């Protein structure tokens, strides 16, 4: 019999994971601070909950997909949070991209009441999550991770057990550094080609199978080719949080990240231009303006 799964956070990633689990036959109990997200979830056969504590009471395994350290603190330490449930044997799969400090604080607190927390950030965008095309960097107690394999397989294409708690987040920082840079490099390539008079659809069609391609070129290239960023799978403002986390982590290690620093300026410019709520592919529009490039379908 499949485990009862809780989903705390029904945003772009959380709702996609929950939907895939529902399709795989799991009973999923969901909570979000936005009531409209809970309604969308229940419309898809999910079971809505009024609090994190209620999710804990009804589920055996909980997945959290959250936007910030503060959100995790509320989920764990809030009046109706997971600590208040004090449910021994409960497992929390923390799938967000957050600071190591926030995750470690939550881990220690939950451990004191018998809840086993795993650090399991994800590699992939919201559109990839919908297609179950994401990977899990699972870290923490290995036996607990193995017991959760069926849950992981319900929403991801690949699961990597990477070691002790916290290693998952460190790998996610490395992954997102590359995502940040590759997204900008894809945009820069499109703008160079368009400035030279090339059709953006032709650029995508020919480069996608070439040696210069990347996963970000593959995933965000169609948005850049169309010049349309209104249906985001990762918003610019949210990715700014990821850039800050990586920068702080690198600074704590005294590790230089010159390409990350250069790329970060394009995301700041995108926010300044009013594209903070649009997809991160909109850095292409920033570079188009810098290049003095105009096209009919430019946002």
Protein backbone atom coordinates (compact mmCIF):
# COMPACT_ATOMS: atom_id res chain seq x y z
CA UNK A 1 0.00 0.00 0.00
CA UNK A 2 1.36 3.42 -0.99
CA UNK A 3 2.36 5.91 1.69
CA UNK A 4 0.16 8.91 2.40
CA UNK A 5 2.12 11.92 1.20
CA UNK A 6 1.83 15.51 2.39
CA UNK A 7 2.82 18.46 0.21
CA UNK A 8 3.54 21.77 1.91
CA UNK A 9 3.91 24.52 -0.68
CA UNK A 10 1.76 24.27 -3.82
CA UNK A 11 3.59 26.75 -6.03
CA UNK A 12 5.13 26.00 -9.42
CA UNK A 13 7.27 23.07 -8.24
CA UNK A 14 5.09 21.80 -5.40
CA UNK A 15 1.91 21.64 -7.47
CA UNK A 16 3.73 19.81 -10.28
CA UNK A 17 5.13 17.22 -7.87
CA UNK A 18 1.76 16.79 -6.16
CA UNK A 19 0.00 16.30 -9.49
CA UNK A 20 2.45 13.60 -10.57
CA UNK A 21 2.06 11.80 -7.24
CA UNK A 22 -1.71 11.88 -7.64
CA UNK A 23 -1.39 10.41 -11.13
CA UNK A 24 0.77 7.63 -9.66
CA UNK A 25 -2.01 6.70 -7.26
CA UNK A 26 -0.72 8.33 -4.07
CA UNK A 27 -3.10 9.94 -1.61
CA UNK A 28 -1.75 13.50 -1.31
CA UNK A 29 -2.64 16.01 1.41
CA UNK A 30 -1.68 19.57 0.50
CA UNK A 31 -1.29 22.92 2.25
CA UNK A 32 -0.30 26.38 1.06
CA UNK A 33 -0.68 29.82 2.63
CA UNK A 34 -2.59 30.88 -0.52
CA UNK A 35 -6.14 29.48 -0.47
CA UNK A 36 -6.48 29.61 -4.26
CA UNK A 37 -3.62 27.14 -4.59
CA UNK A 38 -5.34 24.74 -2.22
CA UNK A 39 -8.52 25.03 -4.30
CA UNK A 40 -6.61 24.26 -7.52
CA UNK A 41 -5.08 21.26 -5.75
CA UNK A 42 -8.40 19.89 -4.50
CA UNK A 43 -9.89 20.38 -7.98
CA UNK A 44 -7.27 17.85 -9.13
CA UNK A 45 -8.38 15.24 -6.57
CA UNK A 46 -5.95 16.29 -3.84
CA UNK A 47 -6.96 16.54 -0.19
CA UNK A 48 -6.70 20.05 1.22
CA UNK A 49 -5.45 20.83 4.72
CA UNK A 50 -5.83 23.91 6.92
CA UNK A 51 -2.31 23.86 8.38
CA UNK A 52 1.09 22.17 8.35
CA UNK A 53 0.10 20.45 11.59
CA UNK A 54 -2.94 18.91 9.90
CA UNK A 55 -0.77 17.66 7.04
CA UNK A 56 1.54 16.01 9.60
CA UNK A 57 -1.36 14.30 11.33
CA UNK A 58 -2.68 12.82 8.05
CA UNK A 59 0.55 11.97 6.18
CA UNK A 60 3.41 9.54 6.68
CA UNK A 61 5.86 11.40 4.45
CA UNK A 62 5.79 15.16 3.83
CA UNK A 63 7.47 17.05 0.99
CA UNK A 64 8.11 20.77 1.45
CA UNK A 65 8.66 23.06 -1.53
CA UNK A 66 9.19 26.56 -0.17
CA UNK A 67 10.42 29.97 -1.37
CA UNK A 68 12.55 31.10 1.57
CA UNK A 69 14.28 30.34 4.88
CA UNK A 70 11.49 32.25 6.61
CA UNK A 71 8.88 29.96 5.07
CA UNK A 72 10.71 26.87 6.34
CA UNK A 73 10.94 28.43 9.82
CA UNK A 74 7.17 28.98 9.80
CA UNK A 75 6.48 25.43 8.58
CA UNK A 76 8.62 23.90 11.32
CA UNK A 77 8.42 26.31 14.26
CA UNK A 78 5.05 28.01 13.69
CA UNK A 79 2.10 27.65 16.03
CA UNK A 80 0.53 25.04 13.73
CA UNK A 81 3.87 23.79 12.40
CA UNK A 82 5.47 20.39 12.27
CA UNK A 83 7.04 20.65 15.72
CA UNK A 84 3.58 21.19 17.18
CA UNK A 85 2.48 17.85 15.75
CA UNK A 86 5.33 15.98 17.53
CA UNK A 87 4.58 12.95 15.36
CA UNK A 88 7.31 10.36 15.83
CA UNK A 89 8.29 8.44 12.72
CA UNK A 90 7.20 11.22 10.37
CA UNK A 91 9.58 11.94 7.46
CA UNK A 92 10.07 15.41 5.99
CA UNK A 93 11.58 15.55 2.49
CA UNK A 94 12.79 19.16 2.28
CA UNK A 95 13.02 19.84 -1.47
CA UNK A 96 13.56 23.61 -1.50
CA UNK A 97 16.66 25.62 -2.34
CA UNK A 98 17.44 27.30 0.97
CA UNK A 99 20.44 28.11 3.14
CA UNK A 100 22.26 25.27 4.87
CA UNK A 101 21.88 27.10 8.17
CA UNK A 102 18.07 27.17 7.96
CA UNK A 103 17.88 23.51 6.99
CA UNK A 104 20.26 22.41 9.74
CA UNK A 105 18.30 24.35 12.36
CA UNK A 106 15.08 22.66 11.24
CA UNK A 107 16.79 19.26 11.13
CA UNK A 108 17.98 19.47 14.74
CA UNK A 109 14.61 20.69 16.02
CA UNK A 110 12.62 17.98 14.25
CA UNK A 111 15.08 15.30 15.31
CA UNK A 112 14.33 16.16 18.95
CA UNK A 113 10.68 15.12 18.47
CA UNK A 114 11.36 12.01 16.40
CA UNK A 115 10.85 13.46 12.91
CA UNK A 116 13.48 12.46 10.33
CA UNK A 117 14.23 15.33 7.94
CA UNK A 118 15.97 14.74 4.62
CA UNK A 119 17.72 17.41 2.56
CA UNK A 120 16.57 16.71 -1.00
CA UNK A 121 16.78 19.70 -3.36
CA UNK A 122 15.74 19.25 -6.97
CA UNK A 123 17.41 19.82 -10.32
CA UNK A 124 14.97 21.04 -12.95
CA UNK A 125 12.49 23.78 -13.82
CA UNK A 126 8.76 23.94 -13.21
CA UNK A 127 8.01 22.80 -16.77
CA UNK A 128 10.37 19.86 -16.29
CA UNK A 129 8.65 19.04 -12.98
CA UNK A 130 5.31 18.81 -14.78
CA UNK A 131 6.85 16.25 -17.17
CA UNK A 132 8.49 14.37 -14.27
CA UNK A 133 11.85 15.35 -15.77
CA UNK A 134 13.60 16.38 -12.56
CA UNK A 135 16.35 14.83 -10.43
CA UNK A 136 16.56 14.58 -6.65
CA UNK A 137 19.78 15.12 -4.69
CA UNK A 138 18.81 13.06 -1.64
CA UNK A 139 20.90 13.50 1.50
CA UNK A 140 20.41 12.44 5.09
CA UNK A 141 19.76 9.07 6.70
CA UNK A 142 20.33 6.52 3.92
CA UNK A 143 17.78 4.02 5.20
CA UNK A 144 15.11 6.72 5.36
CA UNK A 145 15.99 7.86 1.84
CA UNK A 146 15.62 4.30 0.58
CA UNK A 147 12.23 3.97 2.26
CA UNK A 148 11.14 7.09 0.35
CA UNK A 149 12.25 5.77 -3.06
CA UNK A 150 8.69 5.06 -4.21
CA UNK A 151 7.73 8.65 -3.35
CA UNK A 152 10.76 10.05 -5.20
CA UNK A 153 9.93 7.90 -8.22
CA UNK A 154 6.41 9.30 -8.14
CA UNK A 155 7.56 12.79 -9.10
CA UNK A 156 11.15 12.51 -10.45
CA UNK A 157 13.00 10.74 -13.27
CA UNK A 158 16.18 10.20 -11.23
CA UNK A 159 17.18 9.99 -7.57
CA UNK A 160 20.77 10.26 -6.38
CA UNK A 161 21.64 9.39 -2.80
CA UNK A 162 24.58 11.73 -2.23
CA UNK A 163 25.46 11.28 1.44
CA UNK A 164 24.92 12.91 4.80
CA UNK A 165 22.43 15.68 5.46
CA UNK A 166 23.42 18.93 3.73
CA UNK A 167 25.34 17.47 0.79
CA UNK A 168 22.19 17.73 -1.32
CA UNK A 169 22.07 21.49 -0.80
CA UNK A 170 25.77 21.90 -1.57
CA UNK A 171 25.28 20.06 -4.88
CA UNK A 172 22.23 22.19 -5.64
CA UNK A 173 24.34 25.33 -5.21
CA UNK A 174 26.85 23.93 -7.73
CA UNK A 175 24.00 23.04 -10.10
CA UNK A 176 22.33 26.44 -9.83
CA UNK A 177 25.60 28.26 -10.41
CA UNK A 178 25.73 26.52 -13.80
CA UNK A 179 22.03 27.21 -14.45
CA UNK A 180 22.57 30.92 -13.77
CA UNK A 181 25.55 31.17 -16.12
CA UNK A 182 24.23 28.89 -18.88
CA UNK A 183 20.94 30.79 -19.04
CA UNK A 184 22.80 34.05 -19.64
CA UNK A 185 25.17 32.44 -22.15
CA UNK A 186 22.18 31.11 -24.11
CA UNK A 187 20.65 34.60 -24.16
CA UNK A 188 23.95 36.14 -25.25
CA UNK A 189 24.19 33.67 -28.13
CA UNK A 190 20.63 34.43 -29.29
CA UNK A 191 21.27 38.18 -29.23
CA UNK A 192 24.52 37.85 -31.17
CA UNK A 193 22.77 35.78 -33.80
CA UNK A 194 19.76 38.09 -34.07
CA UNK A 195 22.02 41.16 -34.24
CA UNK A 196 23.69 39.45 -37.21
CA UNK A 197 20.29 39.09 -38.90
CA UNK A 198 19.63 35.44 -38.07
CA UNK A 199 16.11 34.23 -37.35
CA UNK A 200 15.85 33.23 -33.66
CA UNK A 201 13.94 30.04 -34.52
CA UNK A 202 16.73 29.08 -36.90
CA UNK A 203 19.28 29.72 -34.13
CA UNK A 204 17.44 27.37 -31.79
CA UNK A 205 16.84 24.68 -34.39
CA UNK A 206 20.47 24.47 -35.47
CA UNK A 207 22.32 25.08 -32.20
CA UNK A 208 20.23 22.72 -30.06
CA UNK A 209 22.04 19.67 -31.47
CA UNK A 210 25.43 21.34 -31.75
CA UNK A 211 28.45 21.26 -29.48
CA UNK A 212 27.59 24.65 -27.97
CA UNK A 213 24.19 23.61 -26.63
CA UNK A 214 23.30 23.22 -22.94
CA UNK A 215 20.29 22.09 -20.94
CA UNK A 216 19.38 25.73 -20.36
CA UNK A 217 19.62 26.44 -24.08
CA UNK A 218 17.29 23.48 -24.62
CA UNK A 219 14.79 24.45 -21.90
CA UNK A 220 14.77 28.25 -22.16
CA UNK A 221 15.81 28.63 -25.79
CA UNK A 222 12.21 28.38 -27.06
CA UNK A 223 11.19 31.27 -24.79
CA UNK A 224 14.12 33.36 -25.98
CA UNK A 225 13.39 32.53 -29.62
CA UNK A 226 9.77 33.61 -29.18
CA UNK A 227 10.61 36.60 -26.98
CA UNK A 228 7.80 35.62 -24.59
CA UNK A 229 8.38 35.22 -20.87
CA UNK A 230 4.92 35.58 -19.30
CA UNK A 231 4.47 31.91 -18.33
CA UNK A 232 7.42 31.46 -15.94
CA UNK A 233 8.81 28.17 -14.72
CA UNK A 234 11.33 30.12 -12.61
CA UNK A 235 10.71 33.79 -11.90
CA UNK A 236 13.56 36.27 -12.03
CA UNK A 237 12.89 37.55 -8.50
CA UNK A 238 12.91 34.02 -7.06
CA UNK A 239 16.12 33.16 -8.87
CA UNK A 240 17.71 36.26 -7.33
CA UNK A 241 17.29 34.46 -4.00
CA UNK A 242 19.19 31.46 -5.38
CA UNK A 243 22.02 33.69 -6.63
CA UNK A 244 22.34 35.26 -3.18
CA UNK A 245 22.46 31.82 -1.52
CA UNK A 246 25.20 30.61 -3.87
CA UNK A 247 27.19 33.84 -3.48
CA UNK A 248 27.02 33.68 0.31
CA UNK A 249 28.02 30.00 0.28
CA UNK A 250 30.98 30.69 -2.03
CA UNK A 251 32.06 33.67 0.08
CA UNK A 252 32.00 31.52 3.22
CA UNK A 253 34.47 29.18 1.49
CA UNK A 254 36.53 32.08 0.06
CA UNK A 255 35.89 30.61 -3.39
CA UNK A 256 35.89 33.03 -6.37
CA UNK A 257 32.89 32.88 -8.72
CA UNK A 258 33.61 35.54 -11.35
CA UNK A 259 31.21 34.20 -14.00
CA UNK A 260 28.38 33.99 -11.47
CA UNK A 261 29.05 37.57 -10.42
CA UNK A 262 28.97 38.78 -14.02
CA UNK A 263 25.79 36.84 -14.85
CA UNK A 264 24.04 38.09 -11.71
CA UNK A 265 24.00 41.64 -13.09
CA UNK A 266 21.70 40.56 -15.93
CA UNK A 267 19.11 39.20 -13.50
CA UNK A 268 19.27 42.42 -11.48
CA UNK A 269 18.74 44.37 -14.71
CA UNK A 270 15.77 42.15 -15.61
CA UNK A 271 14.15 42.96 -12.25
CA UNK A 272 14.90 46.66 -12.74
CA UNK A 273 13.18 46.54 -16.14
CA UNK A 274 10.01 45.15 -14.57
CA UNK A 275 10.50 41.49 -15.49
CA UNK A 276 10.89 40.21 -11.93
CA UNK A 277 7.74 38.10 -12.16
CA UNK A 278 8.61 36.75 -15.60
CA UNK A 279 10.74 33.77 -16.56
CA UNK A 280 14.51 34.00 -16.11
CA UNK A 281 14.83 33.62 -19.89
CA UNK A 282 13.95 37.35 -19.96
CA UNK A 283 17.65 38.13 -19.48
CA UNK A 284 17.60 37.77 -23.28
CA UNK A 285 15.37 40.86 -23.49
CA UNK A 286 17.85 42.77 -21.31
CA UNK A 287 20.71 41.90 -23.66
CA UNK A 288 18.58 42.84 -26.68
CA UNK A 289 18.10 46.32 -25.23
CA UNK A 290 21.81 46.60 -24.47
CA UNK A 291 22.54 45.63 -28.08
CA UNK A 292 20.02 48.12 -29.47
CA UNK A 293 18.13 45.24 -31.03
CA UNK A 294 14.43 45.56 -31.85
CA UNK A 295 12.09 42.81 -33.02
CA UNK A 296 8.34 42.83 -33.53
CA UNK A 297 7.58 40.26 -30.84
CA UNK A 298 9.90 41.75 -28.20
CA UNK A 299 7.91 42.03 -24.90
